[in-house]
N, C-alpha and C. Protein backbone atom coordinates (compact mmCIF):
# COMPACT_ATOMS: atom_id res chain seq x y z
N ASP A 1 11.66 -64.28 -62.28
CA ASP A 1 11.13 -63.82 -63.55
C ASP A 1 10.96 -62.30 -63.56
N GLY A 2 10.50 -61.74 -62.44
CA GLY A 2 10.32 -60.29 -62.37
C GLY A 2 11.62 -59.56 -62.55
N TYR A 3 12.68 -60.06 -61.92
CA TYR A 3 14.01 -59.46 -62.03
C TYR A 3 14.47 -59.45 -63.48
N LYS A 4 14.35 -60.60 -64.15
CA LYS A 4 14.80 -60.71 -65.54
C LYS A 4 13.99 -59.80 -66.44
N THR A 5 12.69 -59.74 -66.24
CA THR A 5 11.84 -58.89 -67.06
C THR A 5 12.22 -57.43 -66.90
N CYS A 6 12.42 -57.01 -65.66
CA CYS A 6 12.80 -55.61 -65.41
C CYS A 6 14.14 -55.28 -66.05
N MET A 7 15.10 -56.19 -65.93
CA MET A 7 16.42 -55.95 -66.52
C MET A 7 16.33 -55.90 -68.05
N LEU A 8 15.52 -56.77 -68.64
CA LEU A 8 15.35 -56.75 -70.11
C LEU A 8 14.77 -55.43 -70.60
N HIS A 9 13.92 -54.81 -69.78
CA HIS A 9 13.29 -53.54 -70.16
C HIS A 9 14.09 -52.33 -69.67
N GLY A 10 15.22 -52.57 -69.03
CA GLY A 10 16.07 -51.49 -68.58
C GLY A 10 15.63 -50.83 -67.29
N ASP A 11 14.71 -51.43 -66.57
CA ASP A 11 14.24 -50.87 -65.30
C ASP A 11 15.05 -51.47 -64.16
N VAL A 12 16.26 -50.96 -64.00
CA VAL A 12 17.21 -51.52 -63.04
C VAL A 12 16.72 -51.34 -61.61
N GLN A 13 16.15 -50.19 -61.31
CA GLN A 13 15.68 -49.96 -59.95
C GLN A 13 14.59 -50.97 -59.57
N CYS A 14 13.66 -51.22 -60.43
CA CYS A 14 12.61 -52.20 -60.16
C CYS A 14 13.22 -53.59 -59.98
N ALA A 15 14.19 -53.93 -60.83
CA ALA A 15 14.85 -55.24 -60.73
C ALA A 15 15.51 -55.41 -59.37
N PHE A 16 16.20 -54.38 -58.90
CA PHE A 16 16.88 -54.49 -57.62
C PHE A 16 15.92 -54.45 -56.44
N ASN A 17 14.80 -53.75 -56.61
CA ASN A 17 13.77 -53.82 -55.56
C ASN A 17 13.24 -55.25 -55.43
N ILE A 18 13.04 -55.90 -56.56
CA ILE A 18 12.57 -57.29 -56.54
C ILE A 18 13.61 -58.18 -55.86
N ILE A 19 14.88 -57.96 -56.15
CA ILE A 19 15.94 -58.75 -55.51
C ILE A 19 15.95 -58.52 -54.00
N GLY A 20 15.75 -57.29 -53.58
CA GLY A 20 15.69 -57.01 -52.14
C GLY A 20 14.58 -57.79 -51.46
N VAL A 21 13.41 -57.82 -52.08
CA VAL A 21 12.29 -58.58 -51.52
C VAL A 21 12.61 -60.06 -51.53
N TYR A 22 13.20 -60.53 -52.62
CA TYR A 22 13.56 -61.95 -52.75
C TYR A 22 14.54 -62.37 -51.65
N ILE A 23 15.59 -61.58 -51.45
CA ILE A 23 16.60 -61.90 -50.43
C ILE A 23 15.97 -61.89 -49.04
N PHE A 24 15.18 -60.86 -48.74
CA PHE A 24 14.52 -60.77 -47.43
C PHE A 24 13.58 -61.94 -47.21
N ASN A 25 12.80 -62.27 -48.22
CA ASN A 25 11.87 -63.39 -48.10
C ASN A 25 12.62 -64.68 -47.82
N ASP A 26 13.71 -64.91 -48.55
CA ASP A 26 14.49 -66.13 -48.32
C ASP A 26 15.13 -66.14 -46.95
N LEU A 27 15.59 -64.99 -46.49
CA LEU A 27 16.20 -64.90 -45.16
C LEU A 27 15.18 -65.25 -44.08
N LEU A 28 13.99 -64.70 -44.19
CA LEU A 28 12.99 -64.89 -43.16
C LEU A 28 12.25 -66.22 -43.27
N SER A 29 12.28 -66.83 -44.45
CA SER A 29 11.52 -68.08 -44.63
C SER A 29 12.36 -69.33 -44.40
N GLY A 30 13.65 -69.17 -44.19
CA GLY A 30 14.46 -70.32 -43.83
C GLY A 30 15.21 -71.00 -44.97
N LYS A 31 15.49 -70.28 -46.04
CA LYS A 31 16.29 -70.86 -47.11
C LYS A 31 17.65 -71.27 -46.54
N GLU A 32 18.22 -72.34 -47.06
CA GLU A 32 19.52 -72.79 -46.57
C GLU A 32 20.53 -71.65 -46.70
N LEU A 33 21.21 -71.35 -45.61
CA LEU A 33 22.02 -70.15 -45.53
C LEU A 33 23.17 -70.13 -46.54
N LYS A 34 23.79 -71.26 -46.79
CA LYS A 34 24.92 -71.25 -47.74
C LYS A 34 24.44 -70.86 -49.14
N HIS A 35 23.22 -71.22 -49.49
CA HIS A 35 22.67 -70.82 -50.79
C HIS A 35 22.31 -69.33 -50.80
N LEU A 36 21.83 -68.85 -49.67
CA LEU A 36 21.48 -67.43 -49.57
C LEU A 36 22.72 -66.55 -49.66
N VAL A 37 23.81 -66.98 -49.04
CA VAL A 37 25.08 -66.23 -49.13
C VAL A 37 25.52 -66.15 -50.59
N ALA A 38 25.40 -67.24 -51.32
CA ALA A 38 25.79 -67.24 -52.74
C ALA A 38 24.90 -66.28 -53.54
N ASP A 39 23.60 -66.27 -53.27
CA ASP A 39 22.69 -65.34 -53.95
C ASP A 39 23.07 -63.90 -53.66
N VAL A 40 23.31 -63.60 -52.40
CA VAL A 40 23.68 -62.24 -52.00
C VAL A 40 24.93 -61.80 -52.74
N HIS A 41 25.93 -62.66 -52.77
CA HIS A 41 27.19 -62.31 -53.45
C HIS A 41 26.95 -62.05 -54.93
N CYS A 42 26.16 -62.89 -55.57
CA CYS A 42 25.87 -62.75 -57.00
C CYS A 42 25.20 -61.40 -57.29
N TYR A 43 24.16 -61.08 -56.54
CA TYR A 43 23.43 -59.84 -56.80
C TYR A 43 24.22 -58.62 -56.37
N GLN A 44 25.00 -58.75 -55.33
CA GLN A 44 25.82 -57.61 -54.90
C GLN A 44 26.85 -57.27 -55.98
N THR A 45 27.41 -58.28 -56.61
CA THR A 45 28.37 -58.07 -57.70
C THR A 45 27.70 -57.35 -58.87
N GLN A 46 26.48 -57.77 -59.21
CA GLN A 46 25.75 -57.11 -60.30
C GLN A 46 25.45 -55.66 -59.96
N MET A 47 25.05 -55.41 -58.73
CA MET A 47 24.72 -54.04 -58.32
C MET A 47 25.95 -53.16 -58.37
N ALA A 48 27.10 -53.69 -57.93
CA ALA A 48 28.34 -52.92 -57.96
C ALA A 48 28.73 -52.60 -59.40
N ALA A 49 28.58 -53.56 -60.31
CA ALA A 49 28.93 -53.34 -61.72
C ALA A 49 28.07 -52.24 -62.34
N LEU A 50 26.82 -52.14 -61.90
CA LEU A 50 25.91 -51.13 -62.43
C LEU A 50 25.89 -49.85 -61.60
N LYS A 51 26.76 -49.80 -60.59
CA LYS A 51 26.93 -48.63 -59.72
C LYS A 51 25.67 -48.27 -58.94
N TYR A 52 24.96 -49.28 -58.49
CA TYR A 52 23.80 -49.09 -57.62
C TYR A 52 24.23 -49.39 -56.19
N ASP A 53 25.01 -48.45 -55.64
CA ASP A 53 25.63 -48.66 -54.34
C ASP A 53 24.64 -48.80 -53.20
N LYS A 54 23.55 -48.03 -53.23
CA LYS A 54 22.56 -48.10 -52.14
C LYS A 54 21.97 -49.50 -52.06
N PHE A 55 21.59 -50.05 -53.19
CA PHE A 55 21.02 -51.39 -53.20
C PHE A 55 22.06 -52.43 -52.80
N GLY A 56 23.27 -52.26 -53.31
CA GLY A 56 24.35 -53.19 -52.96
C GLY A 56 24.65 -53.17 -51.48
N PHE A 57 24.61 -51.98 -50.89
CA PHE A 57 24.86 -51.88 -49.45
C PHE A 57 23.76 -52.58 -48.67
N PHE A 58 22.52 -52.37 -49.06
CA PHE A 58 21.40 -53.00 -48.36
C PHE A 58 21.47 -54.52 -48.47
N ILE A 59 21.74 -55.03 -49.67
CA ILE A 59 21.86 -56.48 -49.84
C ILE A 59 23.06 -56.99 -49.02
N GLY A 60 24.10 -56.18 -48.94
CA GLY A 60 25.25 -56.54 -48.11
C GLY A 60 24.89 -56.68 -46.64
N LEU A 61 23.99 -55.82 -46.16
CA LEU A 61 23.53 -55.95 -44.77
C LEU A 61 22.80 -57.27 -44.56
N ALA A 62 21.96 -57.64 -45.52
CA ALA A 62 21.27 -58.93 -45.43
C ALA A 62 22.30 -60.06 -45.47
N GLY A 63 23.31 -59.92 -46.31
CA GLY A 63 24.37 -60.93 -46.36
C GLY A 63 25.11 -61.05 -45.05
N GLN A 64 25.37 -59.91 -44.41
CA GLN A 64 26.04 -59.95 -43.12
C GLN A 64 25.15 -60.62 -42.07
N ALA A 65 23.85 -60.35 -42.13
CA ALA A 65 22.93 -61.01 -41.20
C ALA A 65 22.99 -62.53 -41.39
N VAL A 66 23.08 -62.98 -42.64
CA VAL A 66 23.19 -64.41 -42.93
C VAL A 66 24.48 -64.97 -42.33
N LEU A 67 25.58 -64.25 -42.52
CA LEU A 67 26.85 -64.71 -41.94
C LEU A 67 26.76 -64.77 -40.41
N ASN A 68 26.06 -63.81 -39.81
CA ASN A 68 25.86 -63.85 -38.36
C ASN A 68 25.08 -65.10 -37.97
N LEU A 69 24.04 -65.43 -38.73
CA LEU A 69 23.25 -66.63 -38.44
C LEU A 69 24.08 -67.90 -38.60
N MET A 70 25.09 -67.85 -39.47
CA MET A 70 25.94 -69.01 -39.69
C MET A 70 27.05 -69.12 -38.64
N GLY A 71 27.09 -68.15 -37.71
CA GLY A 71 28.09 -68.19 -36.65
C GLY A 71 29.45 -67.68 -37.07
N ARG A 72 29.51 -66.84 -38.07
CA ARG A 72 30.79 -66.34 -38.56
C ARG A 72 31.28 -65.10 -37.83
N THR A 73 30.57 -64.69 -36.78
CA THR A 73 31.00 -63.54 -36.00
C THR A 73 30.68 -63.77 -34.54
N GLU A 74 31.47 -63.17 -33.67
CA GLU A 74 31.22 -63.32 -32.23
C GLU A 74 30.07 -62.44 -31.77
N GLN A 75 29.89 -61.30 -32.39
CA GLN A 75 28.81 -60.39 -32.02
C GLN A 75 27.65 -60.63 -32.98
N THR A 76 26.82 -61.57 -32.62
CA THR A 76 25.80 -62.09 -33.54
C THR A 76 24.72 -61.10 -33.93
N THR A 77 24.49 -60.08 -33.13
CA THR A 77 23.41 -59.14 -33.45
C THR A 77 23.93 -57.81 -34.00
N MET A 78 25.21 -57.72 -34.30
CA MET A 78 25.78 -56.48 -34.81
C MET A 78 25.85 -56.51 -36.33
N LEU A 79 25.60 -55.36 -36.92
CA LEU A 79 25.79 -55.16 -38.35
C LEU A 79 26.73 -53.98 -38.52
N ASP A 80 27.79 -54.15 -39.27
CA ASP A 80 28.74 -53.06 -39.48
C ASP A 80 28.17 -52.02 -40.43
N GLY A 81 28.63 -50.79 -40.29
CA GLY A 81 28.25 -49.76 -41.24
C GLY A 81 26.81 -49.29 -41.13
N THR A 82 26.19 -49.44 -39.96
CA THR A 82 24.79 -49.05 -39.86
C THR A 82 24.62 -47.79 -39.00
N ASP A 83 25.62 -46.96 -39.00
CA ASP A 83 25.52 -45.68 -38.29
C ASP A 83 24.48 -44.82 -38.99
N GLU A 84 23.59 -44.28 -38.21
CA GLU A 84 22.49 -43.47 -38.76
C GLU A 84 23.00 -42.36 -39.67
N ASN A 85 24.16 -41.79 -39.37
CA ASN A 85 24.67 -40.68 -40.16
C ASN A 85 25.22 -41.12 -41.52
N ASP A 86 25.52 -42.41 -41.67
CA ASP A 86 26.12 -42.90 -42.91
C ASP A 86 25.10 -43.39 -43.93
N LEU A 87 23.87 -43.54 -43.54
CA LEU A 87 22.88 -44.14 -44.42
C LEU A 87 21.71 -43.22 -44.65
N ASN A 88 21.04 -43.41 -45.75
CA ASN A 88 19.79 -42.68 -45.90
C ASN A 88 18.76 -43.32 -44.97
N ARG A 89 17.70 -42.64 -44.70
CA ARG A 89 16.71 -43.07 -43.70
C ARG A 89 16.12 -44.44 -43.98
N GLN A 90 15.73 -44.69 -45.21
CA GLN A 90 15.06 -45.95 -45.51
C GLN A 90 15.99 -47.13 -45.26
N VAL A 91 17.21 -47.04 -45.74
CA VAL A 91 18.16 -48.14 -45.55
C VAL A 91 18.49 -48.29 -44.07
N TRP A 92 18.60 -47.18 -43.35
CA TRP A 92 18.90 -47.27 -41.91
C TRP A 92 17.79 -48.02 -41.18
N HIS A 93 16.56 -47.73 -41.50
CA HIS A 93 15.45 -48.42 -40.84
C HIS A 93 15.42 -49.90 -41.22
N GLN A 94 15.76 -50.23 -42.45
CA GLN A 94 15.82 -51.63 -42.85
C GLN A 94 16.94 -52.35 -42.11
N ALA A 95 18.06 -51.65 -41.91
CA ALA A 95 19.16 -52.25 -41.14
C ALA A 95 18.72 -52.50 -39.71
N GLN A 96 17.95 -51.59 -39.14
CA GLN A 96 17.47 -51.78 -37.77
C GLN A 96 16.53 -52.98 -37.69
N PHE A 97 15.72 -53.18 -38.72
CA PHE A 97 14.85 -54.36 -38.77
C PHE A 97 15.69 -55.64 -38.72
N LEU A 98 16.77 -55.67 -39.52
CA LEU A 98 17.65 -56.83 -39.50
C LEU A 98 18.26 -57.04 -38.13
N LYS A 99 18.64 -55.95 -37.46
CA LYS A 99 19.21 -56.08 -36.11
C LYS A 99 18.19 -56.70 -35.16
N ARG A 100 16.94 -56.26 -35.24
CA ARG A 100 15.91 -56.82 -34.35
C ARG A 100 15.65 -58.28 -34.68
N PHE A 101 15.69 -58.63 -35.95
CA PHE A 101 15.55 -60.03 -36.35
C PHE A 101 16.66 -60.87 -35.72
N LEU A 102 17.89 -60.38 -35.78
CA LEU A 102 19.02 -61.11 -35.20
C LEU A 102 18.90 -61.17 -33.68
N CYS A 103 18.46 -60.09 -33.06
CA CYS A 103 18.26 -60.10 -31.60
C CYS A 103 17.25 -61.17 -31.20
N ALA A 104 16.16 -61.27 -31.92
CA ALA A 104 15.15 -62.28 -31.59
C ALA A 104 15.69 -63.68 -31.82
N HIS A 105 16.41 -63.87 -32.90
CA HIS A 105 16.94 -65.20 -33.22
C HIS A 105 17.95 -65.68 -32.17
N PHE A 106 18.79 -64.77 -31.70
CA PHE A 106 19.84 -65.14 -30.76
C PHE A 106 19.45 -64.91 -29.29
N GLY A 107 18.19 -64.61 -29.03
CA GLY A 107 17.71 -64.49 -27.65
C GLY A 107 18.12 -63.21 -26.95
N GLU A 108 18.51 -62.20 -27.70
CA GLU A 108 18.88 -60.90 -27.12
C GLU A 108 17.63 -60.01 -27.09
N TYR A 109 16.62 -60.48 -26.35
CA TYR A 109 15.31 -59.82 -26.38
C TYR A 109 15.34 -58.40 -25.85
N LYS A 110 16.09 -58.17 -24.79
CA LYS A 110 16.15 -56.82 -24.22
C LYS A 110 16.74 -55.83 -25.24
N ALA A 111 17.81 -56.25 -25.91
CA ALA A 111 18.42 -55.38 -26.93
C ALA A 111 17.44 -55.13 -28.08
N GLY A 112 16.68 -56.14 -28.45
CA GLY A 112 15.69 -55.97 -29.51
C GLY A 112 14.60 -55.00 -29.14
N VAL A 113 14.14 -55.09 -27.88
CA VAL A 113 13.10 -54.17 -27.40
C VAL A 113 13.64 -52.74 -27.36
N GLU A 114 14.85 -52.58 -26.85
CA GLU A 114 15.44 -51.24 -26.78
C GLU A 114 15.59 -50.65 -28.19
N ASN A 115 16.02 -51.48 -29.14
CA ASN A 115 16.14 -51.01 -30.51
C ASN A 115 14.79 -50.63 -31.09
N SER A 116 13.76 -51.43 -30.79
CA SER A 116 12.41 -51.14 -31.29
C SER A 116 11.91 -49.80 -30.79
N ILE A 117 12.13 -49.53 -29.52
CA ILE A 117 11.69 -48.26 -28.94
C ILE A 117 12.41 -47.10 -29.60
N LYS A 118 13.73 -47.21 -29.73
CA LYS A 118 14.53 -46.15 -30.34
C LYS A 118 14.11 -45.93 -31.80
N VAL A 119 14.05 -47.02 -32.54
CA VAL A 119 13.75 -46.92 -33.96
C VAL A 119 12.32 -46.44 -34.19
N GLY A 120 11.40 -46.88 -33.34
CA GLY A 120 10.01 -46.45 -33.48
C GLY A 120 9.89 -44.95 -33.39
N LYS A 121 10.58 -44.36 -32.44
CA LYS A 121 10.55 -42.90 -32.30
C LYS A 121 11.18 -42.22 -33.52
N GLU A 122 12.30 -42.76 -34.00
CA GLU A 122 12.96 -42.20 -35.18
C GLU A 122 12.07 -42.34 -36.42
N TRP A 123 11.39 -43.49 -36.53
CA TRP A 123 10.51 -43.73 -37.68
C TRP A 123 9.39 -42.70 -37.71
N LEU A 124 8.79 -42.45 -36.56
CA LEU A 124 7.70 -41.49 -36.50
C LEU A 124 8.16 -40.08 -36.86
N LYS A 125 9.40 -39.74 -36.50
CA LYS A 125 9.93 -38.43 -36.88
C LYS A 125 10.17 -38.37 -38.39
N SER A 126 10.64 -39.47 -38.95
CA SER A 126 10.98 -39.49 -40.37
C SER A 126 9.75 -39.52 -41.26
N TYR A 127 8.72 -40.25 -40.81
CA TYR A 127 7.53 -40.44 -41.61
C TYR A 127 6.29 -40.18 -40.76
N PRO A 128 6.03 -38.92 -40.41
CA PRO A 128 4.89 -38.64 -39.54
C PRO A 128 3.57 -39.09 -40.16
N GLY A 129 2.75 -39.71 -39.33
CA GLY A 129 1.45 -40.15 -39.78
C GLY A 129 1.43 -41.49 -40.49
N VAL A 130 2.60 -42.14 -40.63
CA VAL A 130 2.68 -43.41 -41.33
C VAL A 130 3.11 -44.49 -40.36
N TYR A 131 2.48 -45.64 -40.42
CA TYR A 131 2.86 -46.75 -39.56
C TYR A 131 3.03 -48.01 -40.40
N PHE A 132 4.20 -48.60 -40.35
CA PHE A 132 4.48 -49.84 -41.08
C PHE A 132 4.92 -50.97 -40.17
N GLY A 133 4.63 -50.88 -38.90
CA GLY A 133 4.97 -51.96 -38.00
C GLY A 133 6.37 -51.89 -37.44
N TYR A 134 7.08 -50.82 -37.69
CA TYR A 134 8.42 -50.70 -37.14
C TYR A 134 8.30 -50.25 -35.71
């Protein structure tokens, strides 16, 4: 409902923020993955049509994480296109969160810890004085 309301009022950014939360919530709460992939594809198409590439890219990362969970890749904890130089800071940190989620799910605990240490230091540099659990 929030997404539809925002779109009706022309607040596209708010609508896509709601979709980001919705997709993340479904990913973490255990929604059936085939349905989540369909949702990601639907919203990614809408974002591309409206030229909201940042949001589309972020939702695409969540979609890739879902495909990893479905066993569609051999490197289960990797996300393509997450080079720090290619993304803005906020999206890069969100991508790192997804990587740690995948590491925990697939038992790659050491890689998850190493990522947490690296990202934690980067987060503190990016947002001094702020702590959000990263």
